[in-house]
Amino acid sequence: MIVNRHSFKTLPVRSRQAGVVLMVAMIMLIIISLLAAITVRNATSSEGINANLRQTQLATQAAETALRYCEDAAINLVNEGTGTFAFTSPSGSAISALALANVAASPALGTTSTAVVTTNWDTTTDNGQLILPISTVNLSGVTTTFARPPECMIQRAMPDVAQSYLSVLTITSRGFGPEVPAADNSRTRPIGSEVWLQSTLELQ
């Protein structure tokens, strides 16, 4: 009797674990990529917010500088002082010293003050707006440079019939951030950080 002997070879079974590991690795890679993108976006947003805050702070400083400068100029004018406070008119004319002609008239009863209307500032028409020297904000030793100087408006709040001068003045100032470009020839509305301040001077 002839016996046929057959040898059986055990074939390796392909493991499914490799495919599962690959899928898990891909999912982890996607999650890490998303987290990285969110981190970058948050960092960019934080930088933008910090930059905006910094520009607003600098615009506030410029407005405060203009307010003090114009208050001192008004006090000097009323007291007939010898101080020199130079300005530039919106048309570009130099004002070597503040005069009564540079003080805006008091608003008529029931009307809006000239100083709170933006179109009275953003024009070459002289409505009483005064442009400070750029040197008042671009100080030596300071790295920040402003392209547009701050402005102010000195307005009579009420007439003083006893004198040719004024008894109550309203001082309005506005300052710009360093990102605001210099005013164009038409003095169109500025784009960027802008801060307005106002004070009242009662002079006796």
C-alpha atoms as a PDB file:
ATOM      1  CA  MET A   1       0.000   0.000   0.000  1.00  0.00           C
ATOM      2  CA  ILE A   2       1.362   3.342  -1.011  1.00  0.00           C
ATOM      3  CA  VAL A   3       0.855   6.130   1.395  1.00  0.00           C
ATOM      4  CA  ASN A   4       1.001   9.659   0.052  1.00  0.00           C
ATOM      5  CA  ARG A   5       2.467  11.957   2.585  1.00  0.00           C
ATOM      6  CA  HIS A   6       1.481  15.581   2.351  1.00  0.00           C
ATOM      7  CA  SER A   7       3.300  18.220   4.326  1.00  0.00           C
ATOM      8  CA  PHE A   8       1.221  21.099   5.548  1.00  0.00           C
ATOM      9  CA  LYS A   9       2.847  24.494   5.982  1.00  0.00           C
ATOM     10  CA  THR A  10       1.218  26.930   8.330  1.00  0.00           C
ATOM     11  CA  LEU A  11       0.727  30.281   6.589  1.00  0.00           C
ATOM     12  CA  PRO A  12       1.135  33.434   8.690  1.00  0.00           C
ATOM     13  CA  VAL A  13      -2.097  35.241   9.508  1.00  0.00           C
ATOM     14  CA  ARG A  14      -1.913  38.972   8.690  1.00  0.00           C
ATOM     15  CA  SER A  15      -2.416  40.885  11.864  1.00  0.00           C
ATOM     16  CA  ARG A  16      -5.079  43.611  11.900  1.00  0.00           C
ATOM     17  CA  GLN A  17      -3.306  45.529  14.673  1.00  0.00           C
ATOM     18  CA  ALA A  18      -1.071  47.402  12.215  1.00  0.00           C
ATOM     19  CA  GLY A  19      -4.091  48.977  10.520  1.00  0.00           C
ATOM     20  CA  VAL A  20      -5.596  50.038  13.836  1.00  0.00           C
ATOM     21  CA  VAL A  21      -2.339  51.645  14.945  1.00  0.00           C
ATOM     22  CA  LEU A  22      -2.126  53.569  11.669  1.00  0.00           C
ATOM     23  CA  MET A  23      -5.654  54.934  12.098  1.00  0.00           C
ATOM     24  CA  VAL A  24      -4.945  55.971  15.679  1.00  0.00           C
ATOM     25  CA  ALA A  25      -1.728  57.690  14.580  1.00  0.00           C
ATOM     26  CA  MET A  26      -3.589  59.612  11.865  1.00  0.00           C
ATOM     27  CA  ILE A  27      -6.283  60.709  14.304  1.00  0.00           C
ATOM     28  CA  MET A  28      -3.653  61.876  16.788  1.00  0.00           C
ATOM     29  CA  LEU A  29      -1.858  63.758  14.024  1.00  0.00           C
ATOM     30  CA  ILE A  30      -5.084  65.528  13.067  1.00  0.00           C
ATOM     31  CA  ILE A  31      -5.788  66.443  16.697  1.00  0.00           C
ATOM     32  CA  ILE A  32      -2.261  67.788  17.187  1.00  0.00           C
ATOM     33  CA  SER A  33      -2.535  69.827  13.974  1.00  0.00           C
ATOM     34  CA  LEU A  34      -5.844  71.320  15.112  1.00  0.00           C
ATOM     35  CA  LEU A  35      -4.429  72.189  18.521  1.00  0.00           C
ATOM     36  CA  ALA A  36      -1.401  73.811  16.899  1.00  0.00           C
ATOM     37  CA  ALA A  37      -3.640  75.851  14.585  1.00  0.00           C
ATOM     38  CA  ILE A  38      -5.792  76.996  17.516  1.00  0.00           C
ATOM     39  CA  THR A  39      -2.697  77.960  19.503  1.00  0.00           C
ATOM     40  CA  VAL A  40      -1.302  80.008  16.622  1.00  0.00           C
ATOM     41  CA  ARG A  41      -4.654  81.692  16.078  1.00  0.00           C
ATOM     42  CA  ASN A  42      -4.990  82.571  19.761  1.00  0.00           C
ATOM     43  CA  ALA A  43      -1.449  83.906  19.850  1.00  0.00           C
ATOM     44  CA  THR A  44      -2.124  86.041  16.779  1.00  0.00           C
ATOM     45  CA  SER A  45      -5.362  87.340  18.290  1.00  0.00           C
ATOM     46  CA  SER A  46      -3.598  88.199  21.547  1.00  0.00           C
ATOM     47  CA  GLU A  47      -0.884  90.061  19.671  1.00  0.00           C
ATOM     48  CA  GLY A  48      -3.524  92.004  17.740  1.00  0.00           C
ATOM     49  CA  ILE A  49      -5.398  92.917  20.917  1.00  0.00           C
ATOM     50  CA  ASN A  50      -2.201  94.013  22.645  1.00  0.00           C
ATOM     51  CA  ALA A  51      -1.219  96.111  19.627  1.00  0.00           C
ATOM     52  CA  ASN A  52      -4.640  97.806  19.582  1.00  0.00           C
ATOM     53  CA  LEU A  53      -4.436  98.525  23.307  1.00  0.00           C
ATOM     54  CA  ARG A  54      -0.962  99.969  22.888  1.00  0.00           C
ATOM     55  CA  GLN A  55      -2.081 102.223  20.028  1.00  0.00           C
ATOM     56  CA  THR A  56      -5.073 103.440  22.039  1.00  0.00           C
ATOM     57  CA  GLN A  57      -2.830 104.201  25.020  1.00  0.00           C
ATOM     58  CA  LEU A  58      -0.494 106.232  22.832  1.00  0.00           C
ATOM     59  CA  ALA A  59      -3.432 108.080  21.263  1.00  0.00           C
ATOM     60  CA  THR A  60      -4.670 108.895  24.777  1.00  0.00           C
ATOM     61  CA  GLN A  61      -1.246 110.238  25.712  1.00  0.00           C
ATOM     62  CA  ALA A  62      -1.255 112.419  22.595  1.00  0.00           C
ATOM     63  CA  ALA A  63      -4.726 113.755  23.455  1.00  0.00           C
ATOM     64  CA  GLU A  64      -3.628 114.491  27.034  1.00  0.00           C
ATOM     65  CA  THR A  65      -0.575 116.328  25.735  1.00  0.00           C
ATOM     66  CA  ALA A  66      -2.753 118.438  23.450  1.00  0.00           C
ATOM     67  CA  LEU A  67      -5.220 119.184  26.244  1.00  0.00           C
ATOM     68  CA  ARG A  68      -2.501 120.439  28.604  1.00  0.00           C
ATOM     69  CA  TYR A  69      -0.761 122.387  25.850  1.00  0.00           C
ATOM     70  CA  CYS A  70      -3.957 124.171  24.829  1.00  0.00           C
ATOM     71  CA  GLU A  71      -5.012 124.824  28.422  1.00  0.00           C
ATOM     72  CA  ASP A  72      -1.649 126.476  29.048  1.00  0.00           C
ATOM     73  CA  ALA A  73      -1.979 128.465  25.825  1.00  0.00           C
ATOM     74  CA  ALA A  74      -5.453 129.691  26.819  1.00  0.00           C
ATOM     75  CA  ILE A  75      -4.324 130.661  30.317  1.00  0.00           C
ATOM     76  CA  ASN A  76      -1.336 132.463  28.837  1.00  0.00           C
ATOM     77  CA  LEU A  77      -3.635 134.345  26.458  1.00  0.00           C
ATOM     78  CA  VAL A  78      -6.093 135.445  29.132  1.00  0.00           C
ATOM     79  CA  ASN A  79      -3.355 136.458  31.546  1.00  0.00           C
ATOM     80  CA  GLU A  80      -1.456 138.252  28.775  1.00  0.00           C
ATOM     81  CA  GLY A  81       1.538 136.101  29.510  1.00  0.00           C
ATOM     82  CA  THR A  82       4.756 135.997  27.580  1.00  0.00           C
ATOM     83  CA  GLY A  83       4.671 132.278  26.842  1.00  0.00           C
ATOM     84  CA  THR A  84       4.827 131.139  23.241  1.00  0.00           C
ATOM     85  CA  PHE A  85       2.443 128.437  22.078  1.00  0.00           C
ATOM     86  CA  ALA A  86       2.713 127.814  18.364  1.00  0.00           C
ATOM     87  CA  PHE A  87       0.043 126.113  16.270  1.00  0.00           C
ATOM     88  CA  THR A  88      -0.821 125.457  12.653  1.00  0.00           C
ATOM     89  CA  SER A  89      -4.224 126.237  11.186  1.00  0.00           C
ATOM     90  CA  PRO A  90      -6.115 123.566   9.205  1.00  0.00           C
ATOM     91  CA  SER A  91      -5.279 125.434   6.016  1.00  0.00           C
ATOM     92  CA  GLY A  92      -1.580 125.109   6.803  1.00  0.00           C
ATOM     93  CA  SER A  93      -0.908 128.646   8.009  1.00  0.00           C
ATOM     94  CA  ALA A  94       1.481 129.042  10.915  1.00  0.00           C
ATOM     95  CA  ILE A  95       0.137 130.529  14.147  1.00  0.00           C
ATOM     96  CA  SER A  96       3.125 131.819  16.052  1.00  0.00           C
ATOM     97  CA  ALA A  97       1.090 132.775  19.118  1.00  0.00           C
ATOM     98  CA  LEU A  98      -2.484 132.132  20.174  1.00  0.00           C
ATOM     99  CA  ALA A  99      -4.790 135.129  19.747  1.00  0.00           C
ATOM    100  CA  LEU A 100      -8.440 135.835  20.471  1.00  0.00           C
ATOM    101  CA  ALA A 101      -9.144 135.282  16.793  1.00  0.00           C
ATOM    102  CA  ASN A 102      -8.127 131.646  17.250  1.00  0.00           C
ATOM    103  CA  VAL A 103     -10.750 131.052  19.940  1.00  0.00           C
ATOM    104  CA  ALA A 104     -14.002 129.600  18.644  1.00  0.00           C
ATOM    105  CA  ALA A 105     -17.184 131.471  19.453  1.00  0.00           C
ATOM    106  CA  SER A 106     -19.561 130.152  22.075  1.00  0.00           C
ATOM    107  CA  PRO A 107     -22.391 128.042  20.640  1.00  0.00           C
ATOM    108  CA  ALA A 108     -25.759 129.691  20.321  1.00  0.00           C
ATOM    109  CA  LEU A 109     -28.394 128.622  22.808  1.00  0.00           C
ATOM    110  CA  GLY A 110     -29.867 125.262  21.849  1.00  0.00           C
ATOM    111  CA  THR A 111     -27.233 124.492  19.214  1.00  0.00           C
ATOM    112  CA  THR A 112     -24.519 121.843  19.102  1.00  0.00           C
ATOM    113  CA  SER A 113     -21.032 122.898  20.058  1.00  0.00           C
ATOM    114  CA  THR A 114     -18.622 123.240  17.157  1.00  0.00           C
ATOM    115  CA  ALA A 115     -16.073 121.114  18.970  1.00  0.00           C
ATOM    116  CA  VAL A 116     -18.153 117.926  19.069  1.00  0.00           C
ATOM    117  CA  VAL A 117     -18.900 117.772  15.336  1.00  0.00           C
ATOM    118  CA  THR A 118     -16.237 115.722  13.555  1.00  0.00           C
ATOM    119  CA  THR A 119     -16.802 117.439  10.211  1.00  0.00           C
ATOM    120  CA  ASN A 120     -15.648 120.686  11.817  1.00  0.00           C
ATOM    121  CA  TRP A 121     -12.276 119.055  12.418  1.00  0.00           C
ATOM    122  CA  ASP A 122     -11.777 116.994   9.277  1.00  0.00           C
ATOM    123  CA  THR A 123     -11.610 119.892   6.858  1.00  0.00           C
ATOM    124  CA  THR A 124      -9.255 122.623   5.709  1.00  0.00           C
ATOM    125  CA  THR A 125     -11.880 125.203   6.696  1.00  0.00           C
ATOM    126  CA  ASP A 126     -10.891 127.078   9.819  1.00  0.00           C
ATOM    127  CA  ASN A 127     -13.496 126.268  12.457  1.00  0.00           C
ATOM    128  CA  GLY A 128     -11.229 126.967  15.376  1.00  0.00           C
ATOM    129  CA  GLN A 129      -9.274 123.716  15.284  1.00  0.00           C
ATOM    130  CA  LEU A 130      -5.604 124.107  16.149  1.00  0.00           C
ATOM    131  CA  ILE A 131      -2.843 121.682  15.153  1.00  0.00           C
ATOM    132  CA  LEU A 132      -0.007 121.265  17.614  1.00  0.00           C
ATOM    133  CA  PRO A 133       3.648 121.019  16.585  1.00  0.00           C
ATOM    134  CA  ILE A 134       4.609 117.406  15.947  1.00  0.00           C
ATOM    135  CA  SER A 135       7.488 117.923  18.384  1.00  0.00           C
ATOM    136  CA  THR A 136       5.008 117.915  21.280  1.00  0.00           C
ATOM    137  CA  VAL A 137       4.533 114.160  20.832  1.00  0.00           C
ATOM    138  CA  ASN A 138       7.721 113.102  19.026  1.00  0.00           C
ATOM    139  CA  LEU A 139      10.109 113.574  21.900  1.00  0.00           C
ATOM    140  CA  SER A 140      13.825 112.907  21.794  1.00  0.00           C
ATOM    141  CA  GLY A 141      14.832 109.565  23.236  1.00  0.00           C
ATOM    142  CA  VAL A 142      11.403 108.026  22.613  1.00  0.00           C
ATOM    143  CA  THR A 143      11.241 105.213  20.075  1.00  0.00           C
ATOM    144  CA  THR A 144       7.567 105.722  19.164  1.00  0.00           C
ATOM    145  CA  THR A 145       7.057 108.124  16.275  1.00  0.00           C
ATOM    146  CA  PHE A 146       3.770 109.829  15.476  1.00  0.00           C
ATOM    147  CA  ALA A 147       2.955 110.809  11.903  1.00  0.00           C
ATOM    148  CA  ARG A 148      -0.044 112.991  12.759  1.00  0.00           C
ATOM    149  CA  PRO A 149       0.170 115.626  15.505  1.00  0.00           C
ATOM    150  CA  PRO A 150      -2.666 116.052  18.005  1.00  0.00           C
ATOM    151  CA  GLU A 151      -5.202 118.838  17.681  1.00  0.00           C
ATOM    152  CA  CYS A 152      -7.335 120.971  19.943  1.00  0.00           C
ATOM    153  CA  MET A 153     -10.097 123.528  19.862  1.00  0.00           C
ATOM    154  CA  ILE A 154     -10.445 126.339  22.385  1.00  0.00           C
ATOM    155  CA  GLN A 155     -14.020 127.542  22.561  1.00  0.00           C
ATOM    156  CA  ARG A 156     -15.738 130.255  24.488  1.00  0.00           C
ATOM    157  CA  ALA A 157     -18.269 128.631  26.800  1.00  0.00           C
ATOM    158  CA  MET A 158     -19.947 131.902  27.759  1.00  0.00           C
ATOM    159  CA  PRO A 159     -19.131 135.538  27.046  1.00  0.00           C
ATOM    160  CA  ASP A 160     -17.492 137.692  29.677  1.00  0.00           C
ATOM    161  CA  VAL A 161     -19.122 141.078  29.193  1.00  0.00           C
ATOM    162  CA  ALA A 162     -16.857 142.710  31.750  1.00  0.00           C
ATOM    163  CA  GLN A 163     -13.679 142.018  29.783  1.00  0.00           C
ATOM    164  CA  SER A 164     -12.561 141.557  26.243  1.00  0.00           C
ATOM    165  CA  TYR A 165     -11.231 138.169  27.240  1.00  0.00           C
ATOM    166  CA  LEU A 166     -13.038 135.048  28.397  1.00  0.00           C
ATOM    167  CA  SER A 167     -14.230 133.748  31.738  1.00  0.00           C
ATOM    168  CA  VAL A 168     -15.097 130.134  30.885  1.00  0.00           C
ATOM    169  CA  LEU A 169     -13.441 128.133  28.126  1.00  0.00           C
ATOM    170  CA  THR A 170     -14.048 124.628  26.836  1.00  0.00           C
ATOM    171  CA  ILE A 171     -10.911 122.872  25.629  1.00  0.00           C
ATOM    172  CA  THR A 172     -11.364 119.872  23.349  1.00  0.00           C
ATOM    173  CA  SER A 173      -8.447 117.794  22.144  1.00  0.00           C
ATOM    174  CA  ARG A 174      -7.969 114.718  20.042  1.00  0.00           C
ATOM    175  CA  GLY A 175      -4.900 112.552  19.726  1.00  0.00           C
ATOM    176  CA  PHE A 176      -3.957 109.868  17.234  1.00  0.00           C
ATOM    177  CA  GLY A 177      -2.044 106.627  17.491  1.00  0.00           C
ATOM    178  CA  PRO A 178       1.326 106.160  15.784  1.00  0.00           C
ATOM    179  CA  GLU A 179      -0.304 104.032  13.075  1.00  0.00           C
ATOM    180  CA  VAL A 180      -2.415 106.974  11.845  1.00  0.00           C
ATOM    181  CA  PRO A 181      -0.818 108.546   8.747  1.00  0.00           C
ATOM    182  CA  ALA A 182      -0.245 112.251   8.343  1.00  0.00           C
ATOM    183  CA  ALA A 183      -3.238 114.276   7.221  1.00  0.00           C
ATOM    184  CA  ASP A 184      -3.667 114.593   3.477  1.00  0.00           C
ATOM    185  CA  ASN A 185      -4.216 117.890   1.702  1.00  0.00           C
ATOM    186  CA  SER A 186      -7.985 117.654   2.164  1.00  0.00           C
ATOM    187  CA  ARG A 187      -7.691 116.621   5.811  1.00  0.00           C
ATOM    188  CA  THR A 188     -10.048 113.711   5.307  1.00  0.00           C
ATOM    189  CA  ARG A 189     -11.264 111.601   8.208  1.00  0.00           C
ATOM    190  CA  PRO A 190      -8.293 109.832   9.858  1.00  0.00           C
ATOM    191  CA  ILE A 191      -8.196 106.042   9.995  1.00  0.00           C
ATOM    192  CA  GLY A 192      -6.835 104.422  13.132  1.00  0.00           C
ATOM    193  CA  SER A 193      -6.676 105.087  16.855  1.00  0.00           C
ATOM    194  CA  GLU A 194      -8.280 108.362  17.899  1.00  0.00           C
ATOM    195  CA  VAL A 195      -9.026 109.608  21.413  1.00  0.00           C
ATOM    196  CA  TRP A 196     -10.993 112.731  22.361  1.00  0.00           C
ATOM    197  CA  LEU A 197     -10.706 114.599  25.661  1.00  0.00           C
ATOM    198  CA  GLN A 198     -12.391 117.729  26.953  1.00  0.00           C
ATOM    199  CA  SER A 199     -11.953 120.053  29.903  1.00  0.00           C
ATOM    200  CA  THR A 200     -13.467 123.293  31.147  1.00  0.00           C
ATOM    201  CA  LEU A 201     -11.391 126.242  32.296  1.00  0.00           C
ATOM    202  CA  GLU A 202     -12.961 128.799  34.600  1.00  0.00           C
ATOM    203  CA  LEU A 203     -10.733 131.842  34.659  1.00  0.00           C
ATOM    204  CA  GLN A 204     -10.996 134.635  37.188  1.00  0.00           C
END
